[in-house]
């Protein structure tokens, strides 16, 4: 098995999110509202209210379920 080792990041004391050379994330579009895309984007939307999160899916019923009061994802 091959493993890629990432170099350690230097601690510069500067938050990369406010780095002048980086663009701030303002919008995210997730393709797929299933068991990965739906929960992932819902957490991003909850934790980052300044980011506009859009989820698209081919299934209209899945999108309708996410927009309803009863979430389409259930895990015991």
N, C-alpha and C. Protein backbone atom coordinates (compact mmCIF):
# COMPACT_ATOMS: atom_id res chain seq x y z
N UNK A 1 0.84 -1.17 0.00
CA UNK A 1 0.00 0.00 0.00
C UNK A 1 0.89 1.24 0.00
N UNK A 2 0.58 2.17 -0.87
CA UNK A 2 1.33 3.41 -0.95
C UNK A 2 0.65 4.47 -0.10
N UNK A 3 1.44 5.19 0.62
CA UNK A 3 0.89 6.24 1.48
C UNK A 3 1.56 7.55 1.14
N UNK A 4 0.76 8.58 1.02
CA UNK A 4 1.28 9.92 0.76
C UNK A 4 1.40 10.64 2.08
N UNK A 5 2.56 11.16 2.34
CA UNK A 5 2.78 11.92 3.58
C UNK A 5 2.83 13.40 3.24
N UNK A 6 1.96 14.14 3.84
CA UNK A 6 1.90 15.58 3.61
C UNK A 6 2.94 16.26 4.50
N UNK A 7 3.65 17.26 3.95
CA UNK A 7 4.61 17.98 4.78
C UNK A 7 3.90 18.74 5.89
N UNK A 8 4.57 18.87 7.02
CA UNK A 8 3.98 19.62 8.13
C UNK A 8 3.87 21.09 7.74
N UNK A 9 2.74 21.67 8.11
CA UNK A 9 2.50 23.07 7.80
C UNK A 9 3.19 23.94 8.83
N UNK A 10 3.86 24.95 8.36
CA UNK A 10 4.50 25.89 9.28
C UNK A 10 3.44 26.72 9.97
N UNK A 11 3.61 26.89 11.24
CA UNK A 11 2.70 27.74 11.99
C UNK A 11 3.14 29.19 11.81
N UNK A 12 2.39 29.91 11.01
CA UNK A 12 2.77 31.29 10.72
C UNK A 12 2.06 32.28 11.64
N UNK A 13 1.05 31.80 12.36
CA UNK A 13 0.30 32.70 13.21
C UNK A 13 -0.77 33.46 12.45
N UNK A 14 -0.87 33.20 11.14
CA UNK A 14 -1.87 33.87 10.31
C UNK A 14 -2.91 32.86 9.90
N UNK A 15 -4.15 33.18 10.12
CA UNK A 15 -5.25 32.31 9.74
C UNK A 15 -5.35 32.32 8.21
N UNK A 16 -5.30 31.14 7.55
CA UNK A 16 -5.37 31.13 6.09
C UNK A 16 -6.65 31.74 5.54
N UNK A 17 -7.73 31.73 6.33
CA UNK A 17 -9.00 32.29 5.86
C UNK A 17 -8.92 33.79 5.67
N UNK A 18 -8.02 34.45 6.35
CA UNK A 18 -7.90 35.90 6.21
C UNK A 18 -6.64 36.29 5.44
N UNK A 19 -5.99 35.31 4.85
CA UNK A 19 -4.81 35.59 4.04
C UNK A 19 -5.22 36.43 2.83
N UNK A 20 -4.49 37.47 2.56
CA UNK A 20 -4.83 38.40 1.47
C UNK A 20 -4.75 37.74 0.10
N UNK A 21 -3.99 36.65 -0.03
CA UNK A 21 -3.84 35.99 -1.31
C UNK A 21 -4.93 34.97 -1.59
N UNK A 22 -5.78 34.71 -0.60
CA UNK A 22 -6.83 33.71 -0.77
C UNK A 22 -8.19 34.39 -0.87
N UNK A 23 -9.01 33.88 -1.78
CA UNK A 23 -10.37 34.39 -1.92
C UNK A 23 -11.26 33.76 -0.85
N UNK A 24 -12.14 34.53 -0.28
CA UNK A 24 -13.07 34.02 0.72
C UNK A 24 -14.16 33.19 0.04
N UNK A 25 -14.54 32.09 0.65
CA UNK A 25 -15.61 31.25 0.12
C UNK A 25 -16.94 31.93 0.45
N UNK A 26 -17.73 32.18 -0.58
CA UNK A 26 -19.03 32.83 -0.38
C UNK A 26 -20.19 31.93 -0.74
N UNK A 27 -19.96 31.00 -1.68
CA UNK A 27 -21.02 30.10 -2.13
C UNK A 27 -20.46 28.69 -2.32
N UNK A 28 -21.28 27.70 -1.96
CA UNK A 28 -20.95 26.30 -2.18
C UNK A 28 -22.14 25.65 -2.86
N UNK A 29 -21.86 24.84 -3.89
CA UNK A 29 -22.91 24.06 -4.54
C UNK A 29 -22.53 22.59 -4.42
N UNK A 30 -23.41 21.80 -3.85
CA UNK A 30 -23.18 20.38 -3.68
C UNK A 30 -24.08 19.63 -4.65
N UNK A 31 -23.48 18.74 -5.45
CA UNK A 31 -24.24 17.93 -6.39
C UNK A 31 -24.54 16.60 -5.71
N UNK A 32 -25.80 16.39 -5.40
CA UNK A 32 -26.23 15.17 -4.73
C UNK A 32 -26.70 15.43 -3.32
N UNK A 33 -27.93 15.07 -3.02
CA UNK A 33 -28.52 15.30 -1.70
C UNK A 33 -28.76 14.00 -0.97
N UNK A 34 -27.87 13.04 -1.17
CA UNK A 34 -28.02 11.73 -0.54
C UNK A 34 -27.42 11.68 0.85
N UNK A 35 -26.87 10.51 1.20
CA UNK A 35 -26.35 10.29 2.54
C UNK A 35 -25.04 11.01 2.81
N UNK A 36 -24.38 11.52 1.77
CA UNK A 36 -23.14 12.26 1.96
C UNK A 36 -23.38 13.76 1.76
N UNK A 37 -23.89 14.13 0.61
CA UNK A 37 -24.07 15.54 0.27
C UNK A 37 -25.05 16.27 1.15
N UNK A 38 -26.18 15.65 1.45
CA UNK A 38 -27.20 16.31 2.26
C UNK A 38 -26.72 16.67 3.66
N UNK A 39 -26.26 15.67 4.45
CA UNK A 39 -25.79 15.99 5.80
C UNK A 39 -24.56 16.90 5.82
N UNK A 40 -23.64 16.69 4.87
CA UNK A 40 -22.44 17.52 4.83
C UNK A 40 -22.80 18.98 4.63
N UNK A 41 -23.65 19.24 3.66
CA UNK A 41 -24.01 20.63 3.37
C UNK A 41 -24.90 21.23 4.44
N UNK A 42 -25.70 20.40 5.11
CA UNK A 42 -26.52 20.95 6.19
C UNK A 42 -25.65 21.40 7.36
N UNK A 43 -24.58 20.67 7.64
CA UNK A 43 -23.67 21.08 8.72
C UNK A 43 -22.90 22.33 8.31
N UNK A 44 -22.45 22.39 7.05
CA UNK A 44 -21.76 23.60 6.57
C UNK A 44 -22.69 24.80 6.68
N UNK A 45 -23.95 24.64 6.28
CA UNK A 45 -24.91 25.75 6.36
C UNK A 45 -25.16 26.17 7.80
N UNK A 46 -25.19 25.21 8.72
CA UNK A 46 -25.42 25.52 10.13
C UNK A 46 -24.23 26.25 10.74
N UNK A 47 -23.04 25.76 10.47
CA UNK A 47 -21.84 26.30 11.10
C UNK A 47 -21.28 27.54 10.42
N UNK A 48 -21.63 27.76 9.16
CA UNK A 48 -21.09 28.90 8.39
C UNK A 48 -22.24 29.68 7.76
N UNK A 49 -23.00 30.43 8.55
CA UNK A 49 -24.16 31.13 8.01
C UNK A 49 -23.81 32.19 6.98
N UNK A 50 -22.55 32.61 6.90
CA UNK A 50 -22.15 33.61 5.91
C UNK A 50 -21.95 33.02 4.53
N UNK A 51 -21.97 31.68 4.42
CA UNK A 51 -21.79 31.00 3.13
C UNK A 51 -23.16 30.57 2.61
N UNK A 52 -23.44 30.87 1.34
CA UNK A 52 -24.69 30.44 0.70
C UNK A 52 -24.48 29.02 0.22
N UNK A 53 -25.23 28.06 0.79
CA UNK A 53 -25.09 26.65 0.44
C UNK A 53 -26.28 26.23 -0.41
N UNK A 54 -25.99 25.65 -1.58
CA UNK A 54 -27.02 25.15 -2.48
C UNK A 54 -26.77 23.67 -2.73
N UNK A 55 -27.81 22.87 -2.61
CA UNK A 55 -27.70 21.43 -2.88
C UNK A 55 -28.62 21.12 -4.06
N UNK A 56 -28.07 20.44 -5.05
CA UNK A 56 -28.86 20.06 -6.22
C UNK A 56 -28.88 18.54 -6.34
N UNK A 57 -29.97 18.01 -6.89
CA UNK A 57 -30.11 16.58 -7.07
C UNK A 57 -31.09 16.33 -8.22
N UNK A 58 -30.93 15.21 -8.90
CA UNK A 58 -31.85 14.85 -9.98
C UNK A 58 -33.23 14.46 -9.45
N UNK A 59 -33.28 13.98 -8.23
CA UNK A 59 -34.53 13.52 -7.63
C UNK A 59 -35.27 14.68 -6.95
N UNK A 60 -36.39 15.07 -7.55
CA UNK A 60 -37.20 16.15 -6.97
C UNK A 60 -37.76 15.73 -5.61
N UNK A 61 -38.11 14.45 -5.47
CA UNK A 61 -38.67 13.99 -4.19
C UNK A 61 -37.63 14.09 -3.06
N UNK A 62 -36.36 13.86 -3.37
CA UNK A 62 -35.31 13.98 -2.36
C UNK A 62 -35.14 15.44 -1.93
N UNK A 63 -35.18 16.35 -2.88
CA UNK A 63 -35.08 17.78 -2.55
C UNK A 63 -36.30 18.21 -1.73
N UNK A 64 -37.48 17.74 -2.12
CA UNK A 64 -38.69 18.06 -1.36
C UNK A 64 -38.60 17.54 0.06
N UNK A 65 -38.02 16.34 0.22
CA UNK A 65 -37.87 15.77 1.57
C UNK A 65 -36.93 16.62 2.42
N UNK A 66 -35.83 17.12 1.85
CA UNK A 66 -34.92 17.98 2.61
C UNK A 66 -35.58 19.31 2.98
N UNK A 67 -36.50 19.77 2.16
CA UNK A 67 -37.19 21.04 2.44
C UNK A 67 -38.39 20.86 3.36
N UNK A 68 -38.72 19.63 3.72
CA UNK A 68 -39.88 19.38 4.59
C UNK A 68 -39.45 19.39 6.06
N UNK A 69 -40.41 19.15 6.93
CA UNK A 69 -40.13 19.08 8.37
C UNK A 69 -39.56 17.72 8.78
N UNK A 70 -39.65 16.74 7.89
CA UNK A 70 -39.16 15.38 8.18
C UNK A 70 -37.95 15.08 7.30
N UNK A 71 -36.77 14.98 7.90
CA UNK A 71 -35.54 14.78 7.15
C UNK A 71 -35.52 13.39 6.50
N UNK A 72 -34.96 13.28 5.29
CA UNK A 72 -34.96 12.00 4.57
C UNK A 72 -33.87 11.03 5.02
N UNK A 73 -33.02 11.42 5.94
CA UNK A 73 -31.91 10.59 6.39
C UNK A 73 -32.22 10.07 7.78
N UNK A 74 -32.09 8.77 7.95
CA UNK A 74 -32.28 8.18 9.27
C UNK A 74 -31.19 7.17 9.51
N UNK A 75 -30.57 7.23 10.64
CA UNK A 75 -29.55 6.26 11.01
C UNK A 75 -29.75 5.88 12.46
N UNK A 76 -29.78 4.56 12.72
CA UNK A 76 -30.00 4.09 14.08
C UNK A 76 -28.83 4.38 14.99
